[in-house]
Amino acid sequence: MQEAAAALKKLLLEKSVRTGTFTLASGKQSDLYIDCRVTALDPFGAALIGDLGWHAVRSKIHSEHLKIDAIGGMTLGADPISLSIGMASARQHPDEALQVFTVRKEPKGYGAGKQIEGNFKSGDTIVVVDDVITTGGSTLKAIDAIEREGGKVAFAIVLVDREEGGREAIEARGIHVIPLFTRTTLLG
């Protein structure tokens, strides 16, 4: 796993990390912008995320004797990460394969009016996903939608924790966060 982590870190630094002056989704100004979608939508990045993410998720499942049904989070950032981890689970351990879903920012205005699409049902135990955590706002919004629809969030996995209070905000809700990278481990 160390080789995969080093390869994913290299890809994130090459494709996703930018320095300068940026306005983040939270409205905060930052000297760092991390667009994980560029790495997560790269076929090599997706494969690495799937393997590393599934290893982290499976370790947590086994250490705490959890039964997880599905994995997903707020569109668009969580989508490729959730699918990559779900695919790795099916490839590596078919008997433990995770179903994948996505959470819309708002409920659909037509049809069934669903906010959660894909392989999710009330009563499922969920791993919630995000690409980057800054304040935790989008992860918490996904958690609220999942709980409103009857899902139980077991824990969260995130590609990068910017170490700006988001992890603590999510954990204050009683939901443990597993980051594959933090700002510190990514940038040194």
Protein backbone atom coordinates (compact mmCIF):
# COMPACT_ATOMS: atom_id res chain seq x y z
CA MET A 1 0.00 0.00 0.00
CA GLN A 2 2.94 2.37 0.55
CA GLU A 3 3.79 2.32 -3.16
CA ALA A 4 0.17 3.04 -4.09
CA ALA A 5 0.00 5.88 -1.54
CA ALA A 6 3.21 7.39 -2.92
CA ALA A 7 1.90 7.12 -6.50
CA LEU A 8 -1.43 8.73 -5.56
CA LYS A 9 0.32 11.53 -3.67
CA LYS A 10 2.51 12.22 -6.72
CA LEU A 11 -0.56 12.32 -8.99
CA LEU A 12 -2.47 14.62 -6.60
CA LEU A 13 0.48 17.01 -6.44
CA GLU A 14 0.85 17.01 -10.23
CA LYS A 15 -2.83 17.29 -11.18
CA SER A 16 -4.88 18.59 -8.27
CA VAL A 17 -2.87 20.91 -6.01
CA ARG A 18 -2.53 24.59 -6.91
CA THR A 19 -1.10 27.47 -4.92
CA GLY A 20 -2.04 31.12 -5.25
CA THR A 21 -5.10 33.02 -4.03
CA PHE A 22 -8.42 31.19 -4.21
CA THR A 23 -11.98 31.52 -2.94
CA LEU A 24 -13.17 28.16 -1.62
CA ALA A 25 -16.72 26.75 -1.67
CA SER A 26 -17.04 27.91 1.96
CA GLY A 27 -16.33 31.48 0.83
CA LYS A 28 -12.99 31.50 2.67
CA GLN A 29 -9.84 32.76 0.99
CA SER A 30 -6.95 30.32 0.78
CA ASP A 31 -3.43 30.01 -0.57
CA LEU A 32 -4.17 26.41 -1.56
CA TYR A 33 -6.69 24.89 -3.96
CA ILE A 34 -7.10 21.14 -4.25
CA ASP A 35 -9.26 19.93 -7.15
CA CYS A 36 -9.37 16.19 -6.45
CA ARG A 37 -11.77 15.60 -9.34
CA VAL A 38 -8.89 15.90 -11.81
CA THR A 39 -7.07 13.04 -10.08
CA ALA A 40 -10.20 10.99 -9.28
CA LEU A 41 -11.32 11.13 -12.93
CA ASP A 42 -7.90 10.05 -14.19
CA PRO A 43 -7.98 6.26 -14.79
CA PHE A 44 -4.72 5.70 -12.88
CA GLY A 45 -5.85 8.00 -10.06
CA ALA A 46 -9.22 6.25 -9.86
CA ALA A 47 -7.53 2.83 -9.62
CA LEU A 48 -5.22 4.05 -6.85
CA ILE A 49 -8.06 5.74 -4.96
CA GLY A 50 -10.13 2.56 -5.26
CA ASP A 51 -7.40 0.32 -3.88
CA LEU A 52 -6.28 2.66 -1.08
CA GLY A 53 -9.82 3.68 -0.19
CA TRP A 54 -11.08 0.09 -0.09
CA HIS A 55 -8.10 -0.93 2.06
CA ALA A 56 -8.90 1.87 4.55
CA VAL A 57 -12.66 1.15 4.53
CA ARG A 58 -12.20 -2.61 4.86
CA SER A 59 -9.72 -2.14 7.73
CA LYS A 60 -12.27 -0.02 9.62
CA ILE A 61 -15.09 -2.50 8.86
CA HIS A 62 -13.08 -5.43 10.18
CA SER A 63 -11.57 -3.67 13.20
CA GLU A 64 -15.03 -2.57 14.39
CA HIS A 65 -17.03 -5.58 13.10
CA LEU A 66 -19.28 -3.38 10.96
CA LYS A 67 -21.72 -4.38 8.25
CA ILE A 68 -21.67 -1.71 5.53
CA ASP A 69 -24.21 -1.71 2.70
CA ALA A 70 -23.22 1.22 0.52
CA ILE A 71 -20.83 4.09 -0.08
CA GLY A 72 -21.53 7.56 -1.47
CA GLY A 73 -21.57 11.28 -0.91
CA MET A 74 -22.34 14.69 -2.34
CA THR A 75 -22.14 14.96 -6.11
CA LEU A 76 -19.79 15.72 -7.92
CA GLY A 77 -16.69 15.43 -5.77
CA ALA A 78 -17.61 12.16 -4.08
CA ASP A 79 -18.92 10.37 -7.19
CA PRO A 80 -15.69 9.07 -8.77
CA ILE A 81 -14.22 8.24 -5.36
CA SER A 82 -17.29 6.28 -4.26
CA LEU A 83 -17.42 4.38 -7.55
CA SER A 84 -13.68 3.61 -7.45
CA ILE A 85 -13.90 2.22 -3.90
CA GLY A 86 -17.08 0.29 -4.74
CA MET A 87 -15.43 -1.25 -7.80
CA ALA A 88 -12.31 -2.19 -5.81
CA SER A 89 -14.52 -3.83 -3.15
CA ALA A 90 -16.29 -5.91 -5.82
CA ARG A 91 -13.03 -6.89 -7.52
CA GLN A 92 -11.06 -7.74 -4.38
CA HIS A 93 -13.75 -9.09 -2.01
CA PRO A 94 -17.01 -9.79 -3.91
CA ASP A 95 -18.69 -11.08 -0.75
CA GLU A 96 -18.14 -7.65 0.86
CA ALA A 97 -18.85 -5.49 -2.20
CA LEU A 98 -20.31 -2.05 -1.47
CA GLN A 99 -23.19 -0.59 -3.44
CA VAL A 100 -22.68 2.98 -4.68
CA PHE A 101 -24.98 6.01 -4.61
CA THR A 102 -24.81 9.78 -4.99
CA VAL A 103 -26.43 12.63 -3.08
CA ARG A 104 -27.82 15.51 -5.15
CA LYS A 105 -27.31 19.02 -3.84
CA GLU A 106 -31.11 19.43 -3.85
CA PRO A 107 -33.95 16.95 -4.38
CA LYS A 108 -34.83 16.42 -8.03
CA GLY A 109 -37.71 18.71 -9.06
CA TYR A 110 -39.51 16.05 -11.12
CA GLY A 111 -40.20 12.32 -11.19
CA ALA A 112 -39.79 10.76 -7.75
CA GLY A 113 -38.14 13.96 -6.45
CA LYS A 114 -35.26 12.01 -4.94
CA GLN A 115 -32.17 13.61 -3.43
CA ILE A 116 -30.27 10.31 -3.24
CA GLU A 117 -29.78 8.40 -6.49
CA GLY A 118 -28.36 4.97 -7.12
CA ASN A 119 -28.02 1.97 -4.86
CA PHE A 120 -29.35 3.30 -1.55
CA LYS A 121 -32.34 2.36 0.56
CA SER A 122 -33.69 3.34 3.95
CA GLY A 123 -32.05 1.26 6.67
CA ASP A 124 -28.69 0.96 4.89
CA THR A 125 -25.49 1.48 6.85
CA ILE A 126 -23.33 3.89 4.88
CA VAL A 127 -19.79 5.12 4.44
CA VAL A 128 -20.05 8.78 3.44
CA VAL A 129 -17.40 10.11 1.04
CA ASP A 130 -15.97 13.51 0.19
CA ASP A 131 -13.07 14.56 -1.96
CA VAL A 132 -11.79 17.48 0.15
CA ILE A 133 -12.82 18.57 3.64
CA THR A 134 -12.31 22.20 4.61
CA THR A 135 -15.17 23.26 6.90
CA GLY A 136 -17.01 19.93 6.59
CA GLY A 137 -20.11 21.67 5.25
CA SER A 138 -20.72 19.56 2.15
CA THR A 139 -20.01 16.31 4.02
CA LEU A 140 -22.44 17.32 6.76
CA LYS A 141 -25.05 18.22 4.12
CA ALA A 142 -24.66 14.73 2.61
CA ILE A 143 -24.94 13.15 6.08
CA ASP A 144 -28.14 15.12 6.75
CA ALA A 145 -29.68 13.92 3.46
CA ILE A 146 -28.67 10.30 4.12
CA GLU A 147 -30.09 10.36 7.65
CA ARG A 148 -33.27 12.10 6.46
CA GLU A 149 -33.80 9.21 4.01
CA GLY A 150 -33.28 6.58 6.73
CA GLY A 151 -29.59 5.76 6.25
CA LYS A 152 -27.17 5.27 9.12
CA VAL A 153 -23.71 6.77 8.57
CA ALA A 154 -21.04 4.51 10.10
CA PHE A 155 -18.03 6.69 9.25
CA ALA A 156 -16.60 8.97 6.56
CA ILE A 157 -13.68 8.66 4.18
CA VAL A 158 -12.11 11.67 2.50
CA LEU A 159 -9.34 11.93 -0.06
CA VAL A 160 -7.81 15.11 1.47
CA ASP A 161 -8.44 16.78 4.84
CA ARG A 162 -7.25 20.39 4.56
CA GLU A 163 -6.91 20.47 8.39
CA GLU A 164 -9.08 23.58 8.72
CA GLY A 165 -11.67 22.31 11.20
CA GLY A 166 -13.91 20.25 8.93
CA ARG A 167 -12.85 16.89 10.33
CA GLU A 168 -13.56 18.11 13.86
CA ALA A 169 -17.01 19.41 12.80
CA ILE A 170 -17.94 16.02 11.34
CA GLU A 171 -16.51 14.10 14.29
CA ALA A 172 -18.51 16.35 16.65
CA ARG A 173 -21.56 14.62 15.11
CA GLY A 174 -20.12 11.26 16.23
CA ILE A 175 -18.90 10.28 12.75
CA HIS A 176 -15.25 9.23 12.54
CA VAL A 177 -13.35 10.60 9.52
CA ILE A 178 -10.63 8.61 7.74
CA PRO A 179 -8.50 10.87 5.51
CA LEU A 180 -6.30 9.22 2.89
CA PHE A 181 -4.20 12.40 3.01
CA THR A 182 -4.09 15.53 5.14
CA ARG A 183 -2.65 18.88 4.12
CA THR A 184 0.42 17.94 6.19
CA THR A 185 0.96 14.50 4.67
CA LEU A 186 0.29 15.79 1.17
CA LEU A 187 2.48 18.90 1.29
CA GLY A 188 5.01 17.84 3.92
